Amino acid sequence: MGTGERAERLGRYRVLVLVHEGEQSRVYRCYDPALARELALKVARPDAPDPARARRRLLREARLRAADVHRAVLPLYQLQRMVLGPVLVGPWVSSRPLAALIGQGAPAPASLALALADEIGGALDALHASGWWHGDVSPANILVEADGRLVLTDFGTARRLGRRPFDGRRLFTTP
């Protein structure tokens, strides 16, 4: 299923649309009829190159997001076990990726740069203070809501500090 295609259900959730498909996981925009709200569900891809590794990464992401270390870190409402494996249930964030805003050739407004330094820098400080390393901070993994609030997402490559944070493929990474 490609981005934008529809499925029917994931457990009790009605799938509205597949919004992101990566090598290891998929993110769906869903509706919870019991609570009458939209949510984001992230699942490991069963057809990932190493499905067991994809599930482990998802569980590690669940632990980090459940720690609720900073307001700019995407929270986790719950981890559910379904037939297809672990499912992360979190808020649906109506937003645009930062990459879409800064990739248009014009310089980013100073207010956005200051918000990035304050919010995302604060989130990274809080992650590091709680023993986590994000591993993939990039404009694609920062969401910008309509009111300007920034949200750090995609913790699939996150690691506990002191547990081999670098995978050998990068000489350096973003902070």
Protein backbone atom coordinates (compact mmCIF):
# COMPACT_ATOMS: atom_id res chain seq x y z
CA MET A 1 0.00 0.00 0.00
CA GLY A 2 1.47 3.35 -0.98
CA THR A 3 1.19 6.70 0.79
CA GLY A 4 -2.33 8.07 0.48
CA GLU A 5 -3.93 4.65 -0.07
CA ARG A 6 -6.64 3.47 2.29
CA ALA A 7 -6.96 0.38 4.46
CA GLU A 8 -9.98 -0.45 6.56
CA ARG A 9 -9.06 -1.07 10.21
CA LEU A 10 -6.19 -1.55 12.64
CA GLY A 11 -7.78 -3.11 15.69
CA ARG A 12 -10.55 -0.82 16.87
CA TYR A 13 -9.22 2.09 14.82
CA ARG A 14 -10.63 3.05 11.44
CA VAL A 15 -7.76 3.85 9.08
CA LEU A 16 -8.28 7.13 7.26
CA VAL A 17 -5.08 7.18 5.25
CA LEU A 18 -1.50 5.94 5.15
CA VAL A 19 0.52 9.13 5.66
CA HIS A 20 4.09 7.87 5.73
CA GLU A 21 5.83 4.73 4.60
CA GLY A 22 9.46 4.22 5.49
CA GLU A 23 11.74 1.24 5.08
CA GLN A 24 11.02 0.01 8.63
CA SER A 25 7.54 1.30 9.48
CA ARG A 26 4.26 2.86 8.36
CA VAL A 27 2.28 5.69 9.94
CA TYR A 28 -1.48 5.82 9.56
CA ARG A 29 -3.94 8.60 10.32
CA CYS A 30 -6.78 6.83 12.11
CA TYR A 31 -10.06 7.52 13.83
CA ASP A 32 -10.93 6.08 17.23
CA PRO A 33 -14.73 5.73 17.33
CA ALA A 34 -14.72 4.99 21.08
CA LEU A 35 -13.15 8.36 21.89
CA ALA A 36 -14.26 10.25 18.77
CA ARG A 37 -10.80 11.55 17.89
CA GLU A 38 -8.09 11.18 15.29
CA LEU A 39 -4.83 9.45 16.16
CA ALA A 40 -1.58 8.45 14.51
CA LEU A 41 -0.69 4.75 14.55
CA LYS A 42 2.81 3.56 13.76
CA VAL A 43 3.41 -0.08 12.87
CA ALA A 44 6.50 -2.05 11.90
CA ARG A 45 6.48 -3.15 8.28
CA PRO A 46 6.15 -6.92 8.00
CA ASP A 47 8.03 -6.69 4.68
CA ALA A 48 10.95 -4.70 6.16
CA PRO A 49 14.41 -6.08 5.27
CA ASP A 50 14.66 -7.37 8.87
CA PRO A 51 11.14 -7.48 10.38
CA ALA A 52 12.38 -8.48 13.86
CA ARG A 53 14.73 -5.48 13.89
CA ALA A 54 11.87 -3.20 12.76
CA ARG A 55 9.75 -4.43 15.70
CA ARG A 56 12.63 -3.91 18.16
CA ARG A 57 13.13 -0.35 16.90
CA LEU A 58 9.42 0.33 17.34
CA LEU A 59 9.51 -0.93 20.93
CA ARG A 60 12.56 1.22 21.68
CA GLU A 61 10.73 4.23 20.22
CA ALA A 62 7.74 3.41 22.45
CA ARG A 63 9.93 3.51 25.56
CA LEU A 64 11.42 6.87 24.62
CA ARG A 65 8.08 8.49 23.73
CA ALA A 66 6.41 7.10 26.87
CA ALA A 67 9.04 8.82 29.03
CA ASP A 68 7.35 12.18 28.21
CA VAL A 69 10.58 14.13 28.67
CA HIS A 70 9.65 17.37 26.87
CA ARG A 71 6.61 19.12 25.37
CA ALA A 72 8.22 19.08 21.89
CA VAL A 73 8.76 15.29 21.89
CA LEU A 74 5.86 13.48 20.22
CA PRO A 75 4.06 11.72 23.07
CA LEU A 76 2.83 8.13 23.14
CA TYR A 77 -0.69 7.40 24.34
CA GLN A 78 -0.28 3.66 24.37
CA LEU A 79 1.55 0.63 23.02
CA GLN A 80 -0.80 -2.05 21.75
CA ARG A 81 -0.03 -5.61 20.76
CA MET A 82 -1.89 -6.65 17.65
CA VAL A 83 -1.60 -9.66 15.36
CA LEU A 84 0.68 -7.63 13.06
CA GLY A 85 2.98 -6.77 16.00
CA PRO A 86 3.45 -3.73 18.25
CA VAL A 87 1.44 -0.62 17.40
CA LEU A 88 2.30 2.83 18.73
CA VAL A 89 -0.78 4.97 19.35
CA GLY A 90 -0.23 8.71 19.63
CA PRO A 91 -1.81 12.03 18.79
CA TRP A 92 -2.57 13.02 15.24
CA VAL A 93 -0.55 16.22 14.75
CA SER A 94 -2.09 18.38 12.04
CA SER A 95 1.09 19.91 10.67
CA ARG A 96 3.67 20.14 7.92
CA PRO A 97 7.21 18.82 8.08
CA LEU A 98 9.81 21.52 8.55
CA ALA A 99 11.45 20.22 5.35
CA ALA A 100 8.42 21.43 3.35
CA LEU A 101 8.73 24.92 4.82
CA ILE A 102 12.45 25.48 4.45
CA GLY A 103 12.87 23.63 1.18
CA GLN A 104 11.24 26.38 -0.84
CA GLY A 105 14.39 28.40 -1.50
CA ALA A 106 13.65 31.32 0.81
CA PRO A 107 15.49 31.72 4.10
CA ALA A 108 13.58 30.58 7.17
CA PRO A 109 12.08 33.43 9.18
CA ALA A 110 14.04 34.43 12.27
CA SER A 111 11.08 33.46 14.46
CA LEU A 112 11.24 29.90 13.14
CA ALA A 113 15.00 29.71 13.70
CA LEU A 114 14.55 30.92 17.29
CA ALA A 115 11.73 28.45 17.89
CA LEU A 116 13.91 25.64 16.54
CA ALA A 117 16.73 26.57 18.87
CA ASP A 118 14.39 26.87 21.84
CA GLU A 119 11.92 24.01 21.32
CA ILE A 120 13.95 21.39 19.48
CA GLY A 121 17.14 22.29 21.32
CA GLY A 122 15.22 21.97 24.60
CA ALA A 123 13.77 18.64 23.51
CA LEU A 124 17.23 17.32 22.63
CA ASP A 125 18.63 18.55 25.95
CA ALA A 126 15.80 16.77 27.78
CA LEU A 127 16.33 13.58 25.77
CA HIS A 128 20.06 13.59 26.51
CA ALA A 129 19.46 14.35 30.20
CA SER A 130 17.13 11.35 30.39
CA GLY A 131 19.69 9.11 28.69
CA TRP A 132 18.45 9.09 25.09
CA TRP A 133 20.06 10.01 21.77
CA HIS A 134 17.64 10.75 18.87
CA GLY A 135 19.86 9.65 16.01
CA ASP A 136 18.07 11.28 13.09
CA VAL A 137 17.28 14.94 13.74
CA SER A 138 16.42 16.45 10.39
CA PRO A 139 13.85 18.85 8.90
CA ALA A 140 11.82 15.81 7.80
CA ASN A 141 11.47 14.71 11.46
CA ILE A 142 10.29 18.05 12.85
CA LEU A 143 6.62 18.91 12.44
CA VAL A 144 5.36 22.50 12.42
CA GLU A 145 1.77 22.98 13.55
CA ALA A 146 -0.39 25.85 12.26
CA ASP A 147 0.19 27.80 15.51
CA GLY A 148 3.97 27.43 15.09
CA ARG A 149 4.43 24.73 17.73
CA LEU A 150 7.28 22.34 16.83
CA VAL A 151 7.18 18.60 17.44
CA LEU A 152 10.18 16.25 17.21
CA THR A 153 9.24 12.87 15.70
CA ASP A 154 10.62 9.60 14.32
CA PHE A 155 12.61 7.95 17.06
CA GLY A 156 13.24 4.77 15.10
CA THR A 157 17.02 5.17 15.30
CA ALA A 158 17.06 6.43 18.90
CA ARG A 159 19.43 4.75 21.32
CA ARG A 160 20.09 4.82 25.03
CA LEU A 161 23.24 6.85 25.63
CA GLY A 162 26.21 4.63 26.33
CA ARG A 163 24.83 1.83 24.15
CA ARG A 164 26.58 2.23 20.79
CA PRO A 165 24.76 5.35 19.54
CA PHE A 166 26.56 5.28 16.18
CA ASP A 167 25.87 2.50 13.71
CA GLY A 168 29.10 2.93 11.76
CA ARG A 169 27.39 4.41 8.71
CA ARG A 170 27.80 8.01 9.82
CA LEU A 171 30.92 9.89 10.72
CA PHE A 172 28.75 12.54 12.37
CA THR A 173 25.10 13.36 12.73
CA THR A 174 22.93 16.31 13.56
CA PRO A 175 22.71 17.13 17.27
